[in-house]
Structures are given as structure tokens and as C-alpha cells.
C-alpha atoms as a PDB file:
ATOM      1  CA  GLN A   1     -96.924  72.331 202.595  1.00  0.00           C
ATOM      2  CA  VAL A   2     -94.996  69.063 202.619  1.00  0.00           C
ATOM      3  CA  GLN A   3     -94.612  67.323 205.977  1.00  0.00           C
ATOM      4  CA  LEU A   4     -93.814  63.938 207.503  1.00  0.00           C
ATOM      5  CA  VAL A   5     -96.039  62.778 210.329  1.00  0.00           C
ATOM      6  CA  GLU A   6     -94.958  59.861 212.542  1.00  0.00           C
ATOM      7  CA  SER A   7     -97.182  57.671 214.689  1.00  0.00           C
ATOM      8  CA  GLY A   8     -97.006  54.405 216.646  1.00  0.00           C
ATOM      9  CA  GLY A   9     -94.625  55.155 219.458  1.00  0.00           C
ATOM     10  CA  GLY A  10     -95.358  54.318 223.063  1.00  0.00           C
ATOM     11  CA  LEU A  11     -94.357  52.356 226.132  1.00  0.00           C
ATOM     12  CA  VAL A  12     -93.701  48.612 225.799  1.00  0.00           C
ATOM     13  CA  GLN A  13     -92.028  45.932 227.923  1.00  0.00           C
ATOM     14  CA  ALA A  14     -88.780  44.353 226.918  1.00  0.00           C
ATOM     15  CA  GLY A  15     -89.379  41.643 224.360  1.00  0.00           C
ATOM     16  CA  GLY A  16     -92.435  43.381 222.994  1.00  0.00           C
ATOM     17  CA  SER A  17     -93.155  44.907 219.613  1.00  0.00           C
ATOM     18  CA  LEU A  18     -94.143  48.240 218.155  1.00  0.00           C
ATOM     19  CA  ARG A  19     -94.833  49.418 214.614  1.00  0.00           C
ATOM     20  CA  LEU A  20     -93.971  52.975 213.652  1.00  0.00           C
ATOM     21  CA  SER A  21     -95.502  54.746 210.676  1.00  0.00           C
ATOM     22  CA  CYS A  22     -94.429  57.893 208.866  1.00  0.00           C
ATOM     23  CA  ALA A  23     -96.681  59.406 206.227  1.00  0.00           C
ATOM     24  CA  ALA A  24     -95.740  62.155 203.806  1.00  0.00           C
ATOM     25  CA  SER A  25     -98.448  64.660 203.028  1.00  0.00           C
ATOM     26  CA  GLY A  26     -98.733  67.721 200.799  1.00  0.00           C
ATOM     27  CA  SER A  27     -98.040  68.326 197.165  1.00  0.00           C
ATOM     28  CA  PHE A  28     -94.835  66.772 195.748  1.00  0.00           C
ATOM     29  CA  ARG A  29     -93.560  64.887 192.729  1.00  0.00           C
ATOM     30  CA  GLY A  30     -92.208  61.802 194.447  1.00  0.00           C
ATOM     31  CA  LEU A  31     -90.472  60.157 197.398  1.00  0.00           C
ATOM     32  CA  ASP A  32     -86.915  58.852 197.103  1.00  0.00           C
ATOM     33  CA  ASP A  33     -84.930  57.314 199.944  1.00  0.00           C
ATOM     34  CA  MET A  34     -86.633  57.096 203.321  1.00  0.00           C
ATOM     35  CA  ALA A  35     -85.132  56.293 206.680  1.00  0.00           C
ATOM     36  CA  TRP A  36     -85.634  56.003 210.431  1.00  0.00           C
ATOM     37  CA  TYR A  37     -83.227  57.552 212.937  1.00  0.00           C
ATOM     38  CA  ARG A  38     -83.270  57.580 216.704  1.00  0.00           C
ATOM     39  CA  GLN A  39     -81.859  59.727 219.439  1.00  0.00           C
ATOM     40  CA  ALA A  40     -81.520  58.608 223.022  1.00  0.00           C
ATOM     41  CA  PRO A  41     -80.964  61.115 225.856  1.00  0.00           C
ATOM     42  CA  GLY A  42     -77.409  62.376 225.860  1.00  0.00           C
ATOM     43  CA  LYS A  43     -76.532  60.606 222.627  1.00  0.00           C
ATOM     44  CA  GLN A  44     -76.193  61.593 219.015  1.00  0.00           C
ATOM     45  CA  ARG A  45     -78.897  60.823 216.450  1.00  0.00           C
ATOM     46  CA  GLU A  46     -78.130  57.547 214.740  1.00  0.00           C
ATOM     47  CA  LEU A  47     -79.390  55.758 211.664  1.00  0.00           C
ATOM     48  CA  VAL A  48     -81.636  52.792 212.424  1.00  0.00           C
ATOM     49  CA  ALA A  49     -82.720  51.705 208.954  1.00  0.00           C
ATOM     50  CA  SER A  50     -83.155  53.032 205.467  1.00  0.00           C
ATOM     51  CA  ILE A  51     -84.994  52.014 202.305  1.00  0.00           C
ATOM     52  CA  THR A  52     -84.585  53.195 198.729  1.00  0.00           C
ATOM     53  CA  SER A  53     -87.433  53.911 196.346  1.00  0.00           C
ATOM     54  CA  GLY A  54     -86.731  50.509 194.803  1.00  0.00           C
ATOM     55  CA  GLY A  55     -87.011  48.738 198.157  1.00  0.00           C
ATOM     56  CA  SER A  56     -83.340  48.093 199.006  1.00  0.00           C
ATOM     57  CA  THR A  57     -82.820  48.200 202.732  1.00  0.00           C
ATOM     58  CA  ASN A  58     -79.978  48.885 205.186  1.00  0.00           C
ATOM     59  CA  TYR A  59     -79.900  48.369 208.974  1.00  0.00           C
ATOM     60  CA  ALA A  60     -77.770  49.357 211.896  1.00  0.00           C
ATOM     61  CA  ASP A  61     -76.001  46.350 213.329  1.00  0.00           C
ATOM     62  CA  SER A  62     -77.786  46.850 216.645  1.00  0.00           C
ATOM     63  CA  VAL A  63     -81.232  46.215 215.146  1.00  0.00           C
ATOM     64  CA  LYS A  64     -80.519  43.629 212.424  1.00  0.00           C
ATOM     65  CA  GLY A  65     -82.817  40.628 212.768  1.00  0.00           C
ATOM     66  CA  ARG A  66     -85.200  42.535 215.055  1.00  0.00           C
ATOM     67  CA  PHE A  67     -86.382  45.534 213.055  1.00  0.00           C
ATOM     68  CA  THR A  68     -87.849  45.638 209.562  1.00  0.00           C
ATOM     69  CA  ILE A  69     -88.280  48.764 207.412  1.00  0.00           C
ATOM     70  CA  SER A  70     -90.838  48.790 204.624  1.00  0.00           C
ATOM     71  CA  ARG A  71     -92.717  51.268 202.520  1.00  0.00           C
ATOM     72  CA  ASP A  72     -96.036  51.611 200.759  1.00  0.00           C
ATOM     73  CA  ASN A  73     -95.455  53.930 197.851  1.00  0.00           C
ATOM     74  CA  ALA A  74     -99.197  54.221 197.107  1.00  0.00           C
ATOM     75  CA  LYS A  75     -99.724  55.587 200.639  1.00  0.00           C
ATOM     76  CA  ASN A  76     -96.468  57.629 200.722  1.00  0.00           C
ATOM     77  CA  THR A  77     -95.687  55.886 203.972  1.00  0.00           C
ATOM     78  CA  VAL A  78     -92.665  54.195 205.534  1.00  0.00           C
ATOM     79  CA  TYR A  79     -92.934  51.716 208.389  1.00  0.00           C
ATOM     80  CA  LEU A  80     -90.629  50.372 211.054  1.00  0.00           C
ATOM     81  CA  GLN A  81     -91.634  47.063 212.600  1.00  0.00           C
ATOM     82  CA  MET A  82     -89.723  46.652 215.828  1.00  0.00           C
ATOM     83  CA  ASN A  83     -89.668  43.222 217.505  1.00  0.00           C
ATOM     84  CA  SER A  84     -87.785  41.833 220.499  1.00  0.00           C
ATOM     85  CA  LEU A  85     -87.428  45.360 221.870  1.00  0.00           C
ATOM     86  CA  LYS A  86     -84.720  46.066 224.432  1.00  0.00           C
ATOM     87  CA  PRO A  87     -84.405  48.857 226.986  1.00  0.00           C
ATOM     88  CA  GLU A  88     -81.504  50.241 224.937  1.00  0.00           C
ATOM     89  CA  ASP A  89     -83.937  50.833 222.048  1.00  0.00           C
ATOM     90  CA  THR A  90     -85.522  53.615 224.140  1.00  0.00           C
ATOM     91  CA  ALA A  91     -85.238  56.836 222.155  1.00  0.00           C
ATOM     92  CA  VAL A  92     -87.114  59.411 220.118  1.00  0.00           C
ATOM     93  CA  TYR A  93     -87.519  57.959 216.629  1.00  0.00           C
ATOM     94  CA  TYR A  94     -87.468  60.254 213.634  1.00  0.00           C
ATOM     95  CA  CYS A  95     -88.239  59.510 210.028  1.00  0.00           C
ATOM     96  CA  ASN A  96     -86.784  61.356 207.088  1.00  0.00           C
ATOM     97  CA  ALA A  97     -87.370  61.315 203.381  1.00  0.00           C
ATOM     98  CA  VAL A  98     -85.907  62.807 200.236  1.00  0.00           C
ATOM     99  CA  ILE A  99     -88.887  64.436 198.583  1.00  0.00           C
ATOM    100  CA  SER A 100     -88.937  65.734 195.046  1.00  0.00           C
ATOM    101  CA  LEU A 101     -90.412  69.128 194.487  1.00  0.00           C
ATOM    102  CA  ILE A 102     -88.670  71.208 191.802  1.00  0.00           C
ATOM    103  CA  TYR A 103     -85.465  69.901 193.372  1.00  0.00           C
ATOM    104  CA  ASN A 104     -84.921  67.183 195.958  1.00  0.00           C
ATOM    105  CA  TYR A 105     -85.187  68.163 199.571  1.00  0.00           C
ATOM    106  CA  LEU A 106     -84.606  66.247 202.817  1.00  0.00           C
ATOM    107  CA  TYR A 107     -87.527  66.429 205.238  1.00  0.00           C
ATOM    108  CA  TRP A 108     -87.750  65.262 208.861  1.00  0.00           C
ATOM    109  CA  GLY A 109     -90.687  64.234 210.958  1.00  0.00           C
ATOM    110  CA  GLN A 110     -91.320  65.605 214.435  1.00  0.00           C
ATOM    111  CA  GLY A 111     -90.304  62.414 216.222  1.00  0.00           C
ATOM    112  CA  THR A 112     -92.158  59.842 218.283  1.00  0.00           C
ATOM    113  CA  GLN A 113     -91.094  58.510 221.673  1.00  0.00           C
ATOM    114  CA  VAL A 114     -90.404  54.817 222.117  1.00  0.00           C
ATOM    115  CA  THR A 115     -89.840  53.646 225.701  1.00  0.00           C
ATOM    116  CA  VAL A 116     -88.926  50.025 226.495  1.00  0.00           C
ATOM    117  CA  SER A 117     -89.158  49.012 230.123  1.00  0.00           C
ATOM    118  CA  SER A 118     -87.077  46.223 231.619  1.00  0.00           C
END
């Protein structure tokens, strides 16, 4: 069974850093685009950053210059390095990935809580 498992969330003070990881496990042919989303209480889920299989990246304006998305294709893992965290970054962070089986399917992780205190 294919699944995405996130780790690395937690509580941090404003100005601090966290690194999120999301690993794909199971039997599949390959990983295509991968991304991180977040959802704060009472708000819609929003895209934080994405990365293609070739390494091209895209960021939400609110995190540009502070967050960095990367991937290790050998480990089937995507990372989100978050620096200079702000209280408004507090949310549940979810990763997703387009995973190739017979066809391509979009999978989501279970989410990891990030809380930034002021």
C-alpha cells in the first residue's frame, strides 16, 4: 500500500526553524510532482511550495525567502526547510505527491502540526 508519512512538526518560537520531511513508501513506479500545503484553523488549505521531478520549485509569496523545498529521489522524500518562522505560519502541514502506479494518482499525507509562538 502506497502512503506518505510526514514528520518534523512541533512547537517553535517566532524566528526559529523547523524541517519537515515526507517519505513515500510502498510499491510504485515513480514520484512526479511533490508539494507542501498548509491549513490553519478556520482557513482553506493553501499551497506552500511545490517541486517537480526535475527539481523546479514554486513558492507562495508569503514564504518566499524563508522556506525551501527540496527532494531526495533516492529516498523518495520531500523536505520543507522553514526558517524565520512567524506565528502566522502556524498550521497543519500536509505533503502530497503524484505517484505512478499503472496510472498517476495524487496521494496526501496525514499532516503534521506546526505551531509558532510569539
